[in-house]
PDB file of N, CA and C in Angstrom:
ATOM      1  N   TYR A   1     -60.337-122.204  71.799  1.00  0.00           N
ATOM      2  CA  TYR A   1     -61.331-121.257  72.277  1.00  0.00           C
ATOM      3  C   TYR A   1     -62.649-121.385  71.517  1.00  0.00           C
ATOM      4  N   LEU A   2     -62.547-121.713  70.243  1.00  0.00           N
ATOM      5  CA  LEU A   2     -63.755-121.839  69.433  1.00  0.00           C
ATOM      6  C   LEU A   2     -64.642-122.955  69.962  1.00  0.00           C
ATOM      7  N   LYS A   3     -64.046-124.106  70.255  1.00  0.00           N
ATOM      8  CA  LYS A   3     -64.824-125.236  70.769  1.00  0.00           C
ATOM      9  C   LYS A   3     -65.411-124.942  72.140  1.00  0.00           C
ATOM     10  N   ALA A   4     -64.751-124.092  72.902  1.00  0.00           N
ATOM     11  CA  ALA A   4     -65.234-123.739  74.240  1.00  0.00           C
ATOM     12  C   ALA A   4     -66.314-122.663  74.192  1.00  0.00           C
ATOM     13  N   GLY A   5     -66.633-122.184  72.992  1.00  0.00           N
ATOM     14  CA  GLY A   5     -67.657-121.161  72.851  1.00  0.00           C
ATOM     15  C   GLY A   5     -67.153-119.747  73.071  1.00  0.00           C
ATOM     16  N   GLU A   6     -65.847-119.588  73.163  1.00  0.00           N
ATOM     17  CA  GLU A   6     -65.260-118.259  73.348  1.00  0.00           C
ATOM     18  C   GLU A   6     -64.928-117.668  71.975  1.00  0.00           C
ATOM     19  N   HIS A   7     -65.979-117.320  71.249  1.00  0.00           N
ATOM     20  CA  HIS A   7     -65.837-116.914  69.855  1.00  0.00           C
ATOM     21  C   HIS A   7     -65.000-115.659  69.668  1.00  0.00           C
ATOM     22  N   SER A   8     -65.197-114.689  70.531  1.00  0.00           N
ATOM     23  CA  SER A   8     -64.457-113.440  70.401  1.00  0.00           C
ATOM     24  C   SER A   8     -62.965-113.665  70.622  1.00  0.00           C
ATOM     25  N   ARG A   9     -62.637-114.455  71.634  1.00  0.00           N
ATOM     26  CA  ARG A   9     -61.231-114.745  71.914  1.00  0.00           C
ATOM     27  C   ARG A   9     -60.625-115.588  70.789  1.00  0.00           C
ATOM     28  N   ALA A  10     -61.392-116.542  70.278  1.00  0.00           N
ATOM     29  CA  ALA A  10     -60.914-117.363  69.164  1.00  0.00           C
ATOM     30  C   ALA A  10     -60.616-116.475  67.959  1.00  0.00           C
ATOM     31  N   ALA A  11     -61.516-115.542  67.675  1.00  0.00           N
ATOM     32  CA  ALA A  11     -61.328-114.640  66.537  1.00  0.00           C
ATOM     33  C   ALA A  11     -60.052-113.827  66.693  1.00  0.00           C
ATOM     34  N   GLU A  12     -59.775-113.399  67.909  1.00  0.00           N
ATOM     35  CA  GLU A  12     -58.568-112.614  68.172  1.00  0.00           C
ATOM     36  C   GLU A  12     -57.311-113.413  67.792  1.00  0.00           C
ATOM     37  N   TYR A  13     -57.237-114.657  68.235  1.00  0.00           N
ATOM     38  CA  TYR A  13     -56.069-115.482  67.935  1.00  0.00           C
ATOM     39  C   TYR A  13     -56.011-115.876  66.461  1.00  0.00           C
ATOM     40  N   LEU A  14     -57.163-116.111  65.871  1.00  0.00           N
ATOM     41  CA  LEU A  14     -57.186-116.475  64.452  1.00  0.00           C
ATOM     42  C   LEU A  14     -56.787-115.294  63.575  1.00  0.00           C
ATOM     43  N   ARG A  15     -57.132-114.088  63.984  1.00  0.00           N
ATOM     44  CA  ARG A  15     -56.681-112.902  63.237  1.00  0.00           C
ATOM     45  C   ARG A  15     -55.156-112.818  63.252  1.00  0.00           C
ATOM     46  N   GLU A  16     -54.561-113.157  64.389  1.00  0.00           N
ATOM     47  CA  GLU A  16     -53.098-113.174  64.465  1.00  0.00           C
ATOM     48  C   GLU A  16     -52.524-114.228  63.522  1.00  0.00           C
ATOM     49  N   ALA A  17     -53.179-115.378  63.451  1.00  0.00           N
ATOM     50  CA  ALA A  17     -52.704-116.458  62.580  1.00  0.00           C
ATOM     51  C   ALA A  17     -52.734-116.041  61.116  1.00  0.00           C
ATOM     52  N   VAL A  18     -53.827-115.429  60.676  1.00  0.00           N
ATOM     53  CA  VAL A  18     -53.908-115.037  59.267  1.00  0.00           C
ATOM     54  C   VAL A  18     -53.040-113.817  58.965  1.00  0.00           C
ATOM     55  N   ALA A  19     -52.772-113.009  59.981  1.00  0.00           N
ATOM     56  CA  ALA A  19     -51.862-111.875  59.775  1.00  0.00           C
ATOM     57  C   ALA A  19     -50.446-112.380  59.530  1.00  0.00           C
ATOM     58  N   SER A  20     -50.056-113.433  60.243  1.00  0.00           N
ATOM     59  CA  SER A  20     -48.701-113.964  60.058  1.00  0.00           C
ATOM     60  C   SER A  20     -48.603-114.858  58.832  1.00  0.00           C
ATOM     61  N   ASP A  21     -49.734-115.450  58.398  1.00  0.00           N
ATOM     62  CA  ASP A  21     -49.734-116.305  57.203  1.00  0.00           C
ATOM     63  C   ASP A  21     -51.052-116.136  56.456  1.00  0.00           C
ATOM     64  N   PRO A  22     -51.150-115.123  55.596  1.00  0.00           N
ATOM     65  CA  PRO A  22     -52.396-114.858  54.874  1.00  0.00           C
ATOM     66  C   PRO A  22     -52.844-115.990  53.947  1.00  0.00           C
ATOM     67  N   ALA A  23     -51.968-116.938  53.659  1.00  0.00           N
ATOM     68  CA  ALA A  23     -52.322-118.065  52.792  1.00  0.00           C
ATOM     69  C   ALA A  23     -52.905-119.239  53.577  1.00  0.00           C
ATOM     70  N   TYR A  24     -53.048-119.108  54.883  1.00  0.00           N
ATOM     71  CA  TYR A  24     -53.512-120.184  55.762  1.00  0.00           C
ATOM     72  C   TYR A  24     -55.037-120.275  55.683  1.00  0.00           C
ATOM     73  N   SER A  25     -55.538-120.989  54.681  1.00  0.00           N
ATOM     74  CA  SER A  25     -56.977-121.026  54.412  1.00  0.00           C
ATOM     75  C   SER A  25     -57.779-121.631  55.562  1.00  0.00           C
ATOM     76  N   ALA A  26     -57.229-122.610  56.259  1.00  0.00           N
ATOM     77  CA  ALA A  26     -57.955-123.214  57.383  1.00  0.00           C
ATOM     78  C   ALA A  26     -58.189-122.191  58.496  1.00  0.00           C
ATOM     79  N   ALA A  27     -57.231-121.304  58.699  1.00  0.00           N
ATOM     80  CA  ALA A  27     -57.399-120.267  59.720  1.00  0.00           C
ATOM     81  C   ALA A  27     -58.460-119.259  59.288  1.00  0.00           C
ATOM     82  N   TRP A  28     -58.509-118.938  57.998  1.00  0.00           N
ATOM     83  CA  TRP A  28     -59.553-118.037  57.503  1.00  0.00           C
ATOM     84  C   TRP A  28     -60.931-118.655  57.724  1.00  0.00           C
ATOM     85  N   LYS A  29     -61.037-119.959  57.448  1.00  0.00           N
ATOM     86  CA  LYS A  29     -62.321-120.649  57.628  1.00  0.00           C
ATOM     87  C   LYS A  29     -62.736-120.622  59.096  1.00  0.00           C
ATOM     88  N   ALA A  30     -61.806-120.921  59.991  1.00  0.00           N
ATOM     89  CA  ALA A  30     -62.105-120.905  61.420  1.00  0.00           C
ATOM     90  C   ALA A  30     -62.438-119.491  61.895  1.00  0.00           C
ATOM     91  N   LEU A  31     -61.737-118.496  61.354  1.00  0.00           N
ATOM     92  CA  LEU A  31     -62.022-117.104  61.709  1.00  0.00           C
ATOM     93  C   LEU A  31     -63.438-116.733  61.280  1.00  0.00           C
ATOM     94  N   GLY A  32     -63.811-117.115  60.075  1.00  0.00           N
ATOM     95  CA  GLY A  32     -65.171-116.849  59.611  1.00  0.00           C
ATOM     96  C   GLY A  32     -66.207-117.467  60.531  1.00  0.00           C
ATOM     97  N   LYS A  33     -65.957-118.698  60.932  1.00  0.00           N
ATOM     98  CA  LYS A  33     -66.892-119.385  61.836  1.00  0.00           C
ATOM     99  C   LYS A  33     -66.967-118.672  63.183  1.00  0.00           C
ATOM    100  N   ALA A  34     -65.814-118.322  63.744  1.00  0.00           N
ATOM    101  CA  ALA A  34     -65.791-117.643  65.041  1.00  0.00           C
ATOM    102  C   ALA A  34     -66.556-116.323  64.983  1.00  0.00           C
ATOM    103  N   LEU A  35     -66.324-115.558  63.934  1.00  0.00           N
ATOM    104  CA  LEU A  35     -66.997-114.266  63.792  1.00  0.00           C
ATOM    105  C   LEU A  35     -68.498-114.438  63.595  1.00  0.00           C
ATOM    106  N   ALA A  36     -68.890-115.405  62.774  1.00  0.00           N
ATOM    107  CA  ALA A  36     -70.315-115.649  62.539  1.00  0.00           C
ATOM    108  C   ALA A  36     -71.008-116.052  63.835  1.00  0.00           C
ATOM    109  N   GLU A  37     -70.376-116.928  64.594  1.00  0.00           N
ATOM    110  CA  GLU A  37     -70.976-117.386  65.844  1.00  0.00           C
ATOM    111  C   GLU A  37     -70.971-116.294  66.908  1.00  0.00           C
ATOM    112  N   ASP A  38     -70.151-115.282  66.718  1.00  0.00           N
ATOM    113  CA  ASP A  38     -70.111-114.135  67.627  1.00  0.00           C
ATOM    114  C   ASP A  38     -71.088-113.042  67.172  1.00  0.00           C
ATOM    115  N   GLY A  39     -71.836-113.312  66.102  1.00  0.00           N
ATOM    116  CA  GLY A  39     -72.813-112.352  65.609  1.00  0.00           C
ATOM    117  C   GLY A  39     -72.238-111.269  64.722  1.00  0.00           C
ATOM    118  N   ARG A  40     -71.005-111.440  64.295  1.00  0.00           N
ATOM    119  CA  ARG A  40     -70.326-110.435  63.464  1.00  0.00           C
ATOM    120  C   ARG A  40     -70.318-110.929  62.016  1.00  0.00           C
ATOM    121  N   GLU A  41     -71.507-110.968  61.437  1.00  0.00           N
ATOM    122  CA  GLU A  41     -71.691-111.604  60.135  1.00  0.00           C
ATOM    123  C   GLU A  41     -70.935-110.926  59.002  1.00  0.00           C
ATOM    124  N   GLN A  42     -70.913-109.614  58.970  1.00  0.00           N
ATOM    125  CA  GLN A  42     -70.214-108.915  57.883  1.00  0.00           C
ATOM    126  C   GLN A  42     -68.718-109.214  57.934  1.00  0.00           C
ATOM    127  N   GLU A  43     -68.146-109.216  59.131  1.00  0.00           N
ATOM    128  CA  GLU A  43     -66.729-109.544  59.284  1.00  0.00           C
ATOM    129  C   GLU A  43     -66.471-111.001  58.908  1.00  0.00           C
ATOM    130  N   ALA A  44     -67.406-111.874  59.269  1.00  0.00           N
ATOM    131  CA  ALA A  44     -67.277-113.292  58.929  1.00  0.00           C
ATOM    132  C   ALA A  44     -67.276-113.476  57.420  1.00  0.00           C
ATOM    133  N   LEU A  45     -68.161-112.766  56.747  1.00  0.00           N
ATOM    134  CA  LEU A  45     -68.234-112.853  55.294  1.00  0.00           C
ATOM    135  C   LEU A  45     -66.914-112.430  54.663  1.00  0.00           C
ATOM    136  N   GLU A  46     -66.331-111.364  55.159  1.00  0.00           N
ATOM    137  CA  GLU A  46     -65.043-110.906  54.630  1.00  0.00           C
ATOM    138  C   GLU A  46     -63.950-111.944  54.888  1.00  0.00           C
ATOM    139  N   ALA A  47     -63.966-112.569  56.059  1.00  0.00           N
ATOM    140  CA  ALA A  47     -62.975-113.610  56.360  1.00  0.00           C
ATOM    141  C   ALA A  47     -63.135-114.784  55.398  1.00  0.00           C
ATOM    142  N   TYR A  48     -64.366-115.191  55.152  1.00  0.00           N
ATOM    143  CA  TYR A  48     -64.587-116.291  54.202  1.00  0.00           C
ATOM    144  C   TYR A  48     -64.110-115.905  52.802  1.00  0.00           C
ATOM    145  N   ARG A  49     -64.380-114.684  52.391  1.00  0.00           N
ATOM    146  CA  ARG A  49     -63.932-114.246  51.057  1.00  0.00           C
ATOM    147  C   ARG A  49     -62.410-114.279  50.948  1.00  0.00           C
ATOM    148  N   ARG A  50     -61.729-113.823  51.990  1.00  0.00           N
ATOM    149  CA  ARG A  50     -60.257-113.877  51.988  1.00  0.00           C
ATOM    150  C   ARG A  50     -59.780-115.327  51.997  1.00  0.00           C
ATOM    151  N   GLY A  51     -60.480-116.165  52.748  1.00  0.00           N
ATOM    152  CA  GLY A  51     -60.135-117.583  52.802  1.00  0.00           C
ATOM    153  C   GLY A  51     -60.336-118.279  51.474  1.00  0.00           C
ATOM    154  N   ILE A  52     -61.390-117.911  50.770  1.00  0.00           N
ATOM    155  CA  ILE A  52     -61.647-118.481  49.444  1.00  0.00           C
ATOM    156  C   ILE A  52     -60.496-118.133  48.511  1.00  0.00           C
ATOM    157  N   GLU A  53     -60.049-116.886  48.559  1.00  0.00           N
ATOM    158  CA  GLU A  53     -58.911-116.468  47.729  1.00  0.00           C
ATOM    159  C   GLU A  53     -57.660-117.269  48.079  1.00  0.00           C
ATOM    160  N   ALA A  54     -57.404-117.440  49.375  1.00  0.00           N
ATOM    161  CA  ALA A  54     -56.216-118.185  49.813  1.00  0.00           C
ATOM    162  C   ALA A  54     -56.302-119.643  49.382  1.00  0.00           C
ATOM    163  N   ALA A  55     -57.468-120.244  49.545  1.00  0.00           N
ATOM    164  CA  ALA A  55     -57.645-121.647  49.168  1.00  0.00           C
ATOM    165  C   ALA A  55     -57.490-121.819  47.661  1.00  0.00           C
ATOM    166  N   ARG A  56     -58.068-120.902  46.910  1.00  0.00           N
ATOM    167  CA  ARG A  56     -57.972-120.965  45.447  1.00  0.00           C
ATOM    168  C   ARG A  56     -56.514-120.867  45.003  1.00  0.00           C
ATOM    169  N   ALA A  57     -55.760-119.980  45.638  1.00  0.00           N
ATOM    170  CA  ALA A  57     -54.348-119.793  45.283  1.00  0.00           C
ATOM    171  C   ALA A  57     -53.525-121.050  45.560  1.00  0.00           C
ATOM    172  N   LYS A  58     -53.916-121.801  46.594  1.00  0.00           N
ATOM    173  CA  LYS A  58     -53.196-123.031  46.944  1.00  0.00           C
ATOM    174  C   LYS A  58     -53.738-124.259  46.225  1.00  0.00           C
ATOM    175  N   GLY A  59     -54.862-124.109  45.541  1.00  0.00           N
ATOM    176  CA  GLY A  59     -55.489-125.252  44.887  1.00  0.00           C
ATOM    177  C   GLY A  59     -56.240-126.147  45.861  1.00  0.00           C
ATOM    178  N   ASP A  60     -56.628-125.594  47.012  1.00  0.00           N
ATOM    179  CA  ASP A  60     -57.359-126.348  48.035  1.00  0.00           C
ATOM    180  C   ASP A  60     -58.852-126.262  47.728  1.00  0.00           C
ATOM    181  N   LYS A  61     -59.299-127.145  46.843  1.00  0.00           N
ATOM    182  CA  LYS A  61     -60.683-127.098  46.356  1.00  0.00           C
ATOM    183  C   LYS A  61     -61.710-127.329  47.461  1.00  0.00           C
ATOM    184  N   GLN A  62     -61.413-128.249  48.384  1.00  0.00           N
ATOM    185  CA  GLN A  62     -62.370-128.555  49.453  1.00  0.00           C
ATOM    186  C   GLN A  62     -62.615-127.340  50.341  1.00  0.00           C
ATOM    187  N   ALA A  63     -61.552-126.698  50.788  1.00  0.00           N
ATOM    188  CA  ALA A  63     -61.702-125.509  51.635  1.00  0.00           C
ATOM    189  C   ALA A  63     -62.409-124.398  50.867  1.00  0.00           C
ATOM    190  N   GLU A  64     -62.063-124.249  49.595  1.00  0.00           N
ATOM    191  CA  GLU A  64     -62.717-123.225  48.765  1.00  0.00           C
ATOM    192  C   GLU A  64     -64.218-123.478  48.688  1.00  0.00           C
ATOM    193  N   LYS A  65     -64.587-124.727  48.454  1.00  0.00           N
ATOM    194  CA  LYS A  65     -66.001-125.085  48.326  1.00  0.00           C
ATOM    195  C   LYS A  65     -66.754-124.842  49.638  1.00  0.00           C
ATOM    196  N   GLU A  66     -66.169-125.290  50.756  1.00  0.00           N
ATOM    197  CA  GLU A  66     -66.826-125.113  52.054  1.00  0.00           C
ATOM    198  C   GLU A  66     -67.041-123.640  52.371  1.00  0.00           C
ATOM    199  N   MET A  67     -66.006-122.833  52.191  1.00  0.00           N
ATOM    200  CA  MET A  67     -66.140-121.412  52.518  1.00  0.00           C
ATOM    201  C   MET A  67     -67.092-120.702  51.571  1.00  0.00           C
ATOM    202  N   THR A  68     -67.172-121.155  50.332  1.00  0.00           N
ATOM    203  CA  THR A  68     -68.124-120.574  49.388  1.00  0.00           C
ATOM    204  C   THR A  68     -69.548-120.811  49.872  1.00  0.00           C
ATOM    205  N   VAL A  69     -69.815-122.016  50.361  1.00  0.00           N
ATOM    206  CA  VAL A  69     -71.144-122.332  50.901  1.00  0.00           C
ATOM    207  C   VAL A  69     -71.447-121.450  52.113  1.00  0.00           C
ATOM    208  N   PHE A  70     -70.490-121.343  53.037  1.00  0.00           N
ATOM    209  CA  PHE A  70     -70.697-120.525  54.234  1.00  0.00           C
ATOM    210  C   PHE A  70     -70.909-119.057  53.861  1.00  0.00           C
ATOM    211  N   ALA A  71     -70.131-118.565  52.904  1.00  0.00           N
ATOM    212  CA  ALA A  71     -70.249-117.167  52.479  1.00  0.00           C
ATOM    213  C   ALA A  71     -71.617-116.905  51.859  1.00  0.00           C
ATOM    214  N   ARG A  72     -72.095-117.823  51.045  1.00  0.00           N
ATOM    215  CA  ARG A  72     -73.418-117.637  50.424  1.00  0.00           C
ATOM    216  C   ARG A  72     -74.515-117.584  51.473  1.00  0.00           C
ATOM    217  N   ARG A  73     -74.406-118.434  52.489  1.00  0.00           N
ATOM    218  CA  ARG A  73     -75.405-118.411  53.567  1.00  0.00           C
ATOM    219  C   ARG A  73     -75.407-117.054  54.264  1.00  0.00           C
ATOM    220  N   LEU A  74     -74.221-116.542  54.533  1.00  0.00           N
ATOM    221  CA  LEU A  74     -74.129-115.235  55.190  1.00  0.00           C
ATOM    222  C   LEU A  74     -74.666-114.126  54.295  1.00  0.00           C
ATOM    223  N   GLU A  75     -74.360-114.194  53.009  1.00  0.00           N
ATOM    224  CA  GLU A  75     -74.868-113.181  52.078  1.00  0.00           C
ATOM    225  C   GLU A  75     -76.391-113.163  52.097  1.00  0.00           C
ATOM    226  N   ARG A  76     -76.997-114.349  52.096  1.00  0.00           N
ATOM    227  CA  ARG A  76     -78.465-114.426  52.136  1.00  0.00           C
ATOM    228  C   ARG A  76     -78.997-113.877  53.459  1.00  0.00           C
ATOM    229  N   SER A  77     -78.323-114.211  54.547  1.00  0.00           N
ATOM    230  CA  SER A  77     -78.740-113.738  55.864  1.00  0.00           C
ATOM    231  C   SER A  77     -78.647-112.211  55.958  1.00  0.00           C
ATOM    232  N   LEU A  78     -77.562-111.665  55.441  1.00  0.00           N
ATOM    233  CA  LEU A  78     -77.369-110.215  55.492  1.00  0.00           C
ATOM    234  C   LEU A  78     -78.334-109.476  54.571  1.00  0.00           C
ATOM    235  N   ALA A  79     -78.739-110.137  53.490  1.00  0.00           N
ATOM    236  CA  ALA A  79     -79.667-109.513  52.546  1.00  0.00           C
ATOM    237  C   ALA A  79     -81.081-109.448  53.122  1.00  0.00           C
ATOM    238  N   GLY A  80     -81.323-110.282  54.133  1.00  0.00           N
ATOM    239  CA  GLY A  80     -82.614-110.261  54.810  1.00  0.00           C
ATOM    240  C   GLY A  80     -83.584-111.127  54.127  1.00  0.00           C
TER     241      GLY A  80
END
């Protein structure tokens, strides 16, 4: 759904994925992207923060780094 531009629907399914497996950092990253592209920046930021925690816990440095970059961009955007 994300690739098809159906961001809201993608977010719905990705929320289910992270609810069933909160350690699934790739799903958190995709959820953050879906929410950001749907204009829900604050929710996207929270998803990235949760994803960073999950990636850090698994030792997934690449995912942690990517989501940190995305989160910082959103923080700057939200700060105006």
